Amino acid sequence: LILDYHTAKKIKTLIVHDCPLWSNSSIKRQLSNEDVAIVMEEFCKSGHGEWEDEGTKTRCRILWRKPEQLASDIYDWAEKKMALLDLFARSTSCIQAKMLTV
């Protein structure tokens, strides 16, 4: 829920004391500070958040993709780009060779 909400709203930092996810006014319920702390610790353990202020734990950077996912995406992108560059280099060489024989 935290990740989906912040991704949809394109919010990169969760301010713990100012997050609307901790309360539901229609049923007049709110998470306790202890429960919020537990939720946030689990969220950070999941790999989708990291504390910007480790000491006070009031600001959490939202990682829309886990570092491992991001690394894999970058690797896949680079691999595809290299394949395209290789294809381009080969086709350019063929065109140049044909032009020299004309």
Protein backbone atom coordinates (compact mmCIF):
# COMPACT_ATOMS: atom_id res chain seq x y z
CA LEU A 1 0.00 0.00 0.00
CA ILE A 2 2.82 2.43 0.89
CA LEU A 3 4.68 1.71 -2.33
CA ASP A 4 1.56 1.81 -4.52
CA TYR A 5 0.37 5.09 -3.02
CA HIS A 6 3.72 6.87 -3.30
CA THR A 7 4.39 5.51 -6.78
CA ALA A 8 0.98 6.60 -8.05
CA LYS A 9 1.41 10.07 -6.55
CA LYS A 10 5.09 10.23 -7.64
CA ILE A 11 6.13 11.03 -4.08
CA LYS A 12 9.78 10.18 -3.45
CA THR A 13 9.94 10.80 0.29
CA LEU A 14 7.52 9.66 2.97
CA ILE A 15 7.27 12.06 5.90
CA VAL A 16 6.24 9.70 8.69
CA HIS A 17 4.22 12.18 10.80
CA ASP A 18 2.45 13.55 7.70
CA CYS A 19 1.40 10.38 5.86
CA PRO A 20 -2.33 10.07 5.12
CA LEU A 21 -2.11 6.26 5.08
CA TRP A 22 -1.99 6.04 8.86
CA SER A 23 -5.55 7.22 9.45
CA ASN A 24 -9.02 6.64 8.09
CA SER A 25 -11.37 9.50 8.96
CA SER A 26 -14.47 7.70 7.63
CA ILE A 27 -14.20 5.10 10.40
CA LYS A 28 -12.35 7.40 12.83
CA ARG A 29 -9.35 5.09 13.19
CA GLN A 30 -5.65 5.83 13.26
CA LEU A 31 -2.50 3.74 13.67
CA SER A 32 -0.58 4.27 16.88
CA ASN A 33 2.97 5.62 16.71
CA GLU A 34 4.25 2.16 17.67
CA ASP A 35 2.31 0.53 14.84
CA VAL A 36 3.55 3.12 12.36
CA ALA A 37 7.12 2.42 13.48
CA ILE A 38 6.60 -1.34 12.97
CA VAL A 39 5.07 -0.82 9.51
CA MET A 40 7.92 1.47 8.48
CA GLU A 41 10.61 -0.90 9.72
CA GLU A 42 9.06 -3.75 7.73
CA PHE A 43 8.73 -1.50 4.68
CA CYS A 44 12.43 -0.63 4.85
CA LYS A 45 13.36 -4.29 5.40
CA SER A 46 11.43 -5.16 2.21
CA GLY A 47 13.97 -3.10 0.25
CA HIS A 48 11.54 -0.45 -0.95
CA GLY A 49 12.49 2.23 1.56
CA GLU A 50 15.54 3.65 3.28
CA TRP A 51 15.77 6.19 6.05
CA GLU A 52 17.09 9.60 5.09
CA ASP A 53 17.56 10.35 8.79
CA GLU A 54 18.56 7.06 10.41
CA GLY A 55 18.68 8.62 13.88
CA THR A 56 15.18 10.09 14.10
CA LYS A 57 13.44 8.03 11.39
CA THR A 58 11.04 10.76 10.29
CA ARG A 59 11.85 10.76 6.54
CA CYS A 60 11.93 7.64 4.38
CA ARG A 61 13.13 7.62 0.77
CA ILE A 62 10.76 5.53 -1.35
CA LEU A 63 12.58 3.15 -3.68
CA TRP A 64 10.06 2.50 -6.44
CA ARG A 65 12.28 -0.35 -7.57
CA LYS A 66 14.56 -2.36 -5.32
CA PRO A 67 18.25 -1.81 -6.08
CA GLU A 68 18.48 -5.38 -7.43
CA GLN A 69 15.55 -4.75 -9.79
CA LEU A 70 17.04 -1.47 -10.96
CA ALA A 71 20.43 -3.09 -11.58
CA SER A 72 18.76 -5.86 -13.58
CA ASP A 73 16.77 -3.35 -15.63
CA ILE A 74 19.91 -1.34 -16.39
CA TYR A 75 21.80 -4.49 -17.38
CA ASP A 76 18.97 -5.60 -19.69
CA TRP A 77 18.82 -2.13 -21.25
CA ALA A 78 22.59 -2.06 -21.80
CA GLU A 79 22.53 -5.56 -23.27
CA LYS A 80 19.81 -4.53 -25.75
CA LYS A 81 21.64 -1.33 -26.64
CA MET A 82 24.85 -3.26 -27.29
CA ALA A 83 22.96 -5.69 -29.52
CA LEU A 84 21.51 -2.75 -31.48
CA LEU A 85 24.89 -1.08 -31.71
CA ASP A 86 26.43 -4.34 -32.93
CA LEU A 87 23.68 -4.72 -35.54
CA PHE A 88 24.15 -1.10 -36.62
CA ALA A 89 27.93 -1.54 -36.91
CA ARG A 90 27.48 -4.67 -39.02
CA SER A 91 24.93 -3.07 -41.33
CA THR A 92 27.12 0.03 -41.71
CA SER A 93 30.09 -2.16 -42.62
CA CYS A 94 28.00 -4.01 -45.23
CA ILE A 95 26.76 -0.75 -46.75
CA GLN A 96 30.30 0.66 -46.87
CA ALA A 97 31.60 -2.54 -48.48
CA LYS A 98 28.87 -2.41 -51.12
CA MET A 99 29.62 1.23 -51.86
CA LEU A 100 33.29 0.44 -52.38
CA THR A 101 32.47 -2.26 -54.96
CA VAL A 102 30.23 0.03 -56.98
